[in-house]
N, C-alpha and C. Protein backbone atom coordinates (compact mmCIF):
# COMPACT_ATOMS: atom_id res chain seq x y z
N MET A 1 0.79 -85.87 25.91
CA MET A 1 1.93 -84.99 26.05
C MET A 1 1.74 -84.11 27.29
N ALA A 2 2.75 -84.06 28.15
CA ALA A 2 2.66 -83.28 29.39
C ALA A 2 2.79 -81.80 29.08
N SER A 3 1.97 -81.01 29.73
CA SER A 3 2.04 -79.57 29.50
C SER A 3 3.19 -78.99 30.31
N LYS A 4 3.90 -78.08 29.70
CA LYS A 4 5.03 -77.43 30.37
C LYS A 4 4.53 -76.18 31.08
N THR A 5 5.10 -75.93 32.24
CA THR A 5 4.78 -74.71 32.97
C THR A 5 5.51 -73.55 32.31
N ASP A 6 4.81 -72.45 32.12
CA ASP A 6 5.41 -71.24 31.56
C ASP A 6 6.51 -70.76 32.52
N PRO A 7 7.77 -70.70 32.07
CA PRO A 7 8.85 -70.31 32.98
C PRO A 7 8.68 -68.90 33.54
N LEU A 8 8.13 -67.97 32.75
CA LEU A 8 7.91 -66.61 33.28
C LEU A 8 6.83 -66.61 34.35
N ALA A 9 5.78 -67.39 34.13
CA ALA A 9 4.72 -67.47 35.14
C ALA A 9 5.26 -68.09 36.42
N ALA A 10 6.10 -69.10 36.29
CA ALA A 10 6.70 -69.73 37.47
C ALA A 10 7.61 -68.73 38.20
N LEU A 11 8.38 -67.97 37.43
CA LEU A 11 9.25 -66.96 38.04
C LEU A 11 8.43 -65.89 38.75
N ARG A 12 7.39 -65.40 38.09
CA ARG A 12 6.53 -64.38 38.72
C ARG A 12 5.93 -64.91 40.02
N ALA A 13 5.45 -66.15 40.01
CA ALA A 13 4.84 -66.73 41.22
C ALA A 13 5.87 -66.82 42.34
N ARG A 14 7.08 -67.25 42.01
CA ARG A 14 8.12 -67.35 43.02
C ARG A 14 8.49 -65.98 43.57
N LEU A 15 8.65 -65.01 42.68
CA LEU A 15 8.99 -63.66 43.12
C LEU A 15 7.90 -63.06 44.01
N LEU A 16 6.65 -63.32 43.67
CA LEU A 16 5.55 -62.78 44.47
C LEU A 16 5.55 -63.33 45.89
N THR A 17 6.04 -64.55 46.06
CA THR A 17 6.09 -65.10 47.42
C THR A 17 7.36 -64.68 48.16
N GLU A 18 8.47 -64.48 47.44
CA GLU A 18 9.74 -64.20 48.11
C GLU A 18 10.08 -62.71 48.25
N LEU A 19 9.67 -61.90 47.28
CA LEU A 19 10.09 -60.49 47.28
C LEU A 19 9.61 -59.68 48.47
N PRO A 20 8.38 -59.87 48.96
CA PRO A 20 7.99 -59.05 50.13
C PRO A 20 8.95 -59.20 51.31
N ASP A 21 9.40 -60.42 51.59
CA ASP A 21 10.36 -60.61 52.68
C ASP A 21 11.72 -60.02 52.32
N ASP A 22 12.13 -60.18 51.06
CA ASP A 22 13.39 -59.59 50.62
C ASP A 22 13.37 -58.07 50.75
N ILE A 23 12.26 -57.47 50.38
CA ILE A 23 12.12 -56.01 50.49
C ILE A 23 12.18 -55.57 51.94
N ALA A 24 11.51 -56.31 52.81
CA ALA A 24 11.53 -55.97 54.24
C ALA A 24 12.95 -56.07 54.80
N GLN A 25 13.69 -57.11 54.40
CA GLN A 25 15.07 -57.26 54.87
C GLN A 25 15.96 -56.13 54.34
N ALA A 26 15.78 -55.78 53.06
CA ALA A 26 16.56 -54.69 52.48
C ALA A 26 16.23 -53.37 53.16
N ARG A 27 14.96 -53.16 53.46
CA ARG A 27 14.55 -51.93 54.14
C ARG A 27 15.17 -51.85 55.53
N ASP A 28 15.14 -52.98 56.26
CA ASP A 28 15.73 -53.00 57.60
C ASP A 28 17.24 -52.75 57.54
N ALA A 29 17.90 -53.35 56.56
CA ALA A 29 19.34 -53.14 56.40
C ALA A 29 19.63 -51.68 56.07
N TYR A 30 18.80 -51.09 55.22
CA TYR A 30 18.98 -49.68 54.88
C TYR A 30 18.84 -48.80 56.12
N HIS A 31 17.82 -49.08 56.93
CA HIS A 31 17.62 -48.28 58.15
C HIS A 31 18.81 -48.40 59.09
N ARG A 32 19.36 -49.61 59.22
CA ARG A 32 20.55 -49.78 60.08
C ARG A 32 21.73 -49.00 59.50
N LEU A 33 21.93 -49.12 58.20
CA LEU A 33 23.04 -48.43 57.56
C LEU A 33 22.89 -46.91 57.68
N ALA A 34 21.69 -46.41 57.41
CA ALA A 34 21.46 -44.97 57.48
C ALA A 34 21.63 -44.46 58.91
N GLY A 35 21.27 -45.28 59.89
CA GLY A 35 21.39 -44.89 61.29
C GLY A 35 22.82 -44.73 61.76
N GLU A 36 23.75 -45.35 61.06
CA GLU A 36 25.15 -45.25 61.43
C GLU A 36 25.71 -43.85 61.20
N ALA A 37 24.98 -43.02 60.48
CA ALA A 37 25.45 -41.67 60.19
C ALA A 37 25.56 -40.82 61.45
N ALA A 38 24.90 -41.25 62.51
CA ALA A 38 24.94 -40.48 63.75
C ALA A 38 26.34 -40.50 64.39
N GLY A 39 27.16 -41.49 64.01
CA GLY A 39 28.52 -41.58 64.56
C GLY A 39 29.41 -40.48 64.03
N ILE A 40 30.53 -40.31 64.66
CA ILE A 40 31.49 -39.29 64.23
C ILE A 40 32.28 -39.86 63.06
N MET A 41 32.27 -39.14 61.95
CA MET A 41 32.98 -39.58 60.75
C MET A 41 33.79 -38.42 60.19
N ASP A 42 34.92 -38.77 59.61
CA ASP A 42 35.65 -37.75 58.88
C ASP A 42 35.03 -37.63 57.48
N ALA A 43 35.51 -36.73 56.68
CA ALA A 43 34.89 -36.45 55.37
C ALA A 43 34.92 -37.69 54.46
N LYS A 44 36.00 -38.43 54.48
CA LYS A 44 36.11 -39.62 53.63
C LYS A 44 35.13 -40.70 54.08
N GLU A 45 35.06 -40.93 55.39
CA GLU A 45 34.11 -41.92 55.92
C GLU A 45 32.67 -41.52 55.61
N PHE A 46 32.38 -40.24 55.75
CA PHE A 46 31.04 -39.75 55.48
C PHE A 46 30.67 -39.97 54.01
N SER A 47 31.59 -39.65 53.11
CA SER A 47 31.35 -39.82 51.69
C SER A 47 31.11 -41.29 51.35
N THR A 48 31.92 -42.16 51.92
CA THR A 48 31.75 -43.60 51.70
C THR A 48 30.42 -44.07 52.26
N HIS A 49 30.06 -43.59 53.43
CA HIS A 49 28.79 -43.96 54.05
C HIS A 49 27.61 -43.50 53.21
N GLN A 50 27.67 -42.27 52.72
CA GLN A 50 26.60 -41.74 51.90
C GLN A 50 26.46 -42.56 50.61
N ALA A 51 27.56 -42.93 50.01
CA ALA A 51 27.52 -43.76 48.79
C ALA A 51 26.90 -45.12 49.09
N ALA A 52 27.20 -45.69 50.24
CA ALA A 52 26.63 -46.98 50.62
C ALA A 52 25.12 -46.85 50.83
N CYS A 53 24.68 -45.76 51.45
CA CYS A 53 23.25 -45.54 51.65
C CYS A 53 22.53 -45.40 50.31
N LYS A 54 23.12 -44.68 49.38
CA LYS A 54 22.51 -44.51 48.07
C LYS A 54 22.43 -45.84 47.32
N ALA A 55 23.46 -46.65 47.44
CA ALA A 55 23.46 -47.97 46.79
C ALA A 55 22.37 -48.86 47.41
N ALA A 56 22.24 -48.80 48.72
CA ALA A 56 21.21 -49.60 49.39
C ALA A 56 19.81 -49.15 48.96
N LEU A 57 19.64 -47.86 48.80
CA LEU A 57 18.35 -47.34 48.36
C LEU A 57 18.04 -47.76 46.93
N ARG A 58 19.04 -47.74 46.05
CA ARG A 58 18.85 -48.21 44.67
C ARG A 58 18.49 -49.69 44.64
N HIS A 59 19.11 -50.47 45.52
CA HIS A 59 18.80 -51.89 45.62
C HIS A 59 17.35 -52.08 46.03
N LEU A 60 16.91 -51.32 47.01
CA LEU A 60 15.52 -51.40 47.47
C LEU A 60 14.56 -51.02 46.34
N GLU A 61 14.87 -49.97 45.62
CA GLU A 61 14.04 -49.55 44.49
C GLU A 61 13.98 -50.65 43.42
N SER A 62 15.09 -51.31 43.17
CA SER A 62 15.12 -52.38 42.17
C SER A 62 14.24 -53.55 42.60
N LEU A 63 14.27 -53.89 43.87
CA LEU A 63 13.42 -54.97 44.37
C LEU A 63 11.94 -54.60 44.21
N ILE A 64 11.61 -53.34 44.47
CA ILE A 64 10.22 -52.89 44.34
C ILE A 64 9.79 -52.93 42.88
N LYS A 65 10.66 -52.51 41.97
CA LYS A 65 10.33 -52.58 40.54
C LYS A 65 10.13 -54.02 40.10
N LEU A 66 10.95 -54.91 40.61
CA LEU A 66 10.81 -56.33 40.28
C LEU A 66 9.48 -56.87 40.82
N LEU A 67 9.10 -56.45 42.01
CA LEU A 67 7.82 -56.87 42.57
C LEU A 67 6.66 -56.35 41.71
N ARG A 68 6.77 -55.12 41.25
CA ARG A 68 5.73 -54.57 40.38
C ARG A 68 5.63 -55.38 39.09
N TRP A 69 6.78 -55.76 38.51
CA TRP A 69 6.77 -56.58 37.30
C TRP A 69 6.12 -57.92 37.58
N ALA A 70 6.48 -58.52 38.69
CA ALA A 70 5.93 -59.83 39.04
C ALA A 70 4.43 -59.75 39.30
N SER A 71 3.97 -58.59 39.72
CA SER A 71 2.54 -58.39 40.00
C SER A 71 1.73 -58.15 38.75
N ASP A 72 2.35 -58.24 37.60
CA ASP A 72 1.71 -58.12 36.30
C ASP A 72 2.34 -57.03 35.47
N GLY A 73 3.35 -56.42 35.99
CA GLY A 73 4.13 -55.49 35.21
C GLY A 73 3.54 -54.11 35.04
N ALA A 74 2.30 -53.92 35.37
CA ALA A 74 1.67 -52.62 35.17
C ALA A 74 1.99 -51.70 36.35
N GLU A 75 2.28 -50.47 36.04
CA GLU A 75 2.45 -49.48 37.09
C GLU A 75 1.07 -49.16 37.68
N PRO A 76 0.95 -49.18 39.00
CA PRO A 76 -0.35 -48.91 39.62
C PRO A 76 -0.82 -47.49 39.37
N THR A 77 -2.11 -47.33 39.29
CA THR A 77 -2.72 -46.01 39.18
C THR A 77 -3.57 -45.77 40.40
N SER A 78 -4.14 -44.60 40.52
CA SER A 78 -4.95 -44.29 41.70
C SER A 78 -6.22 -45.14 41.76
N ASN A 79 -6.58 -45.80 40.67
CA ASN A 79 -7.77 -46.65 40.67
C ASN A 79 -7.46 -48.09 41.03
N ASP A 80 -6.18 -48.45 41.18
CA ASP A 80 -5.82 -49.83 41.49
C ASP A 80 -6.16 -50.17 42.93
N ALA A 81 -6.48 -51.45 43.14
CA ALA A 81 -6.85 -51.91 44.48
C ALA A 81 -5.68 -51.83 45.45
N ASN A 82 -4.43 -52.07 44.99
CA ASN A 82 -3.30 -52.03 45.90
C ASN A 82 -2.58 -50.69 45.87
N ASN A 83 -3.27 -49.65 45.54
CA ASN A 83 -2.64 -48.33 45.52
C ASN A 83 -2.15 -47.93 46.90
N GLY A 84 -2.86 -48.32 47.94
CA GLY A 84 -2.41 -47.99 49.30
C GLY A 84 -1.06 -48.59 49.59
N GLN A 85 -0.83 -49.84 49.16
CA GLN A 85 0.46 -50.47 49.37
C GLN A 85 1.53 -49.77 48.55
N THR A 86 1.22 -49.45 47.32
CA THR A 86 2.19 -48.76 46.47
C THR A 86 2.51 -47.40 47.06
N SER A 87 1.49 -46.71 47.56
CA SER A 87 1.72 -45.39 48.15
C SER A 87 2.67 -45.49 49.34
N SER A 88 2.53 -46.53 50.15
CA SER A 88 3.42 -46.66 51.31
C SER A 88 4.84 -46.97 50.86
N ILE A 89 5.00 -47.75 49.79
CA ILE A 89 6.32 -48.03 49.25
C ILE A 89 6.93 -46.76 48.70
N ASP A 90 6.15 -46.03 47.90
CA ASP A 90 6.66 -44.77 47.34
C ASP A 90 6.99 -43.78 48.45
N ARG A 91 6.19 -43.76 49.49
CA ARG A 91 6.44 -42.87 50.63
C ARG A 91 7.75 -43.26 51.33
N LEU A 92 8.00 -44.57 51.49
CA LEU A 92 9.23 -45.03 52.10
C LEU A 92 10.44 -44.57 51.29
N ILE A 93 10.35 -44.71 49.97
CA ILE A 93 11.46 -44.28 49.11
C ILE A 93 11.66 -42.78 49.23
N SER A 94 10.57 -42.03 49.24
CA SER A 94 10.66 -40.58 49.36
C SER A 94 11.29 -40.17 50.68
N GLU A 95 10.89 -40.84 51.77
CA GLU A 95 11.46 -40.53 53.08
C GLU A 95 12.95 -40.85 53.12
N ALA A 96 13.32 -41.97 52.52
CA ALA A 96 14.72 -42.36 52.50
C ALA A 96 15.54 -41.34 51.71
N ARG A 97 15.02 -40.90 50.57
CA ARG A 97 15.72 -39.88 49.79
C ARG A 97 15.87 -38.59 50.58
N SER A 98 14.82 -38.23 51.30
CA SER A 98 14.85 -37.02 52.11
C SER A 98 15.93 -37.12 53.18
N GLU A 99 16.02 -38.29 53.84
CA GLU A 99 17.03 -38.48 54.87
C GLU A 99 18.43 -38.41 54.27
N LEU A 100 18.60 -38.99 53.08
CA LEU A 100 19.91 -38.94 52.43
C LEU A 100 20.31 -37.51 52.07
N SER A 101 19.33 -36.70 51.70
CA SER A 101 19.65 -35.32 51.32
C SER A 101 20.11 -34.50 52.53
N LYS A 102 19.76 -34.95 53.74
CA LYS A 102 20.17 -34.25 54.95
C LYS A 102 21.61 -34.56 55.34
N LEU A 103 22.14 -35.66 54.79
CA LEU A 103 23.51 -36.08 55.17
C LEU A 103 24.56 -35.16 54.61
């Protein structure tokens, strides 16, 4: 009898290979979108732009949460080997939130 591959394990493996690039693309798109705020906008355009930036940031956070799940689902602690990577991700999110609060 042939052994079946665990579908969750297969999904996790696929996500671990694809999500880093997806996160980088989402981050780059967010930076482009956030940079558009420098243009002259009326109040309605500004409100729409700010909502789009917040949605992009939530999308980025969702991708990061999915990557954490795929990495074994455990939230990293200060004793984890990849804490430096997690810290840089958390720092990116914090910086993005800070920039949004300035808008």
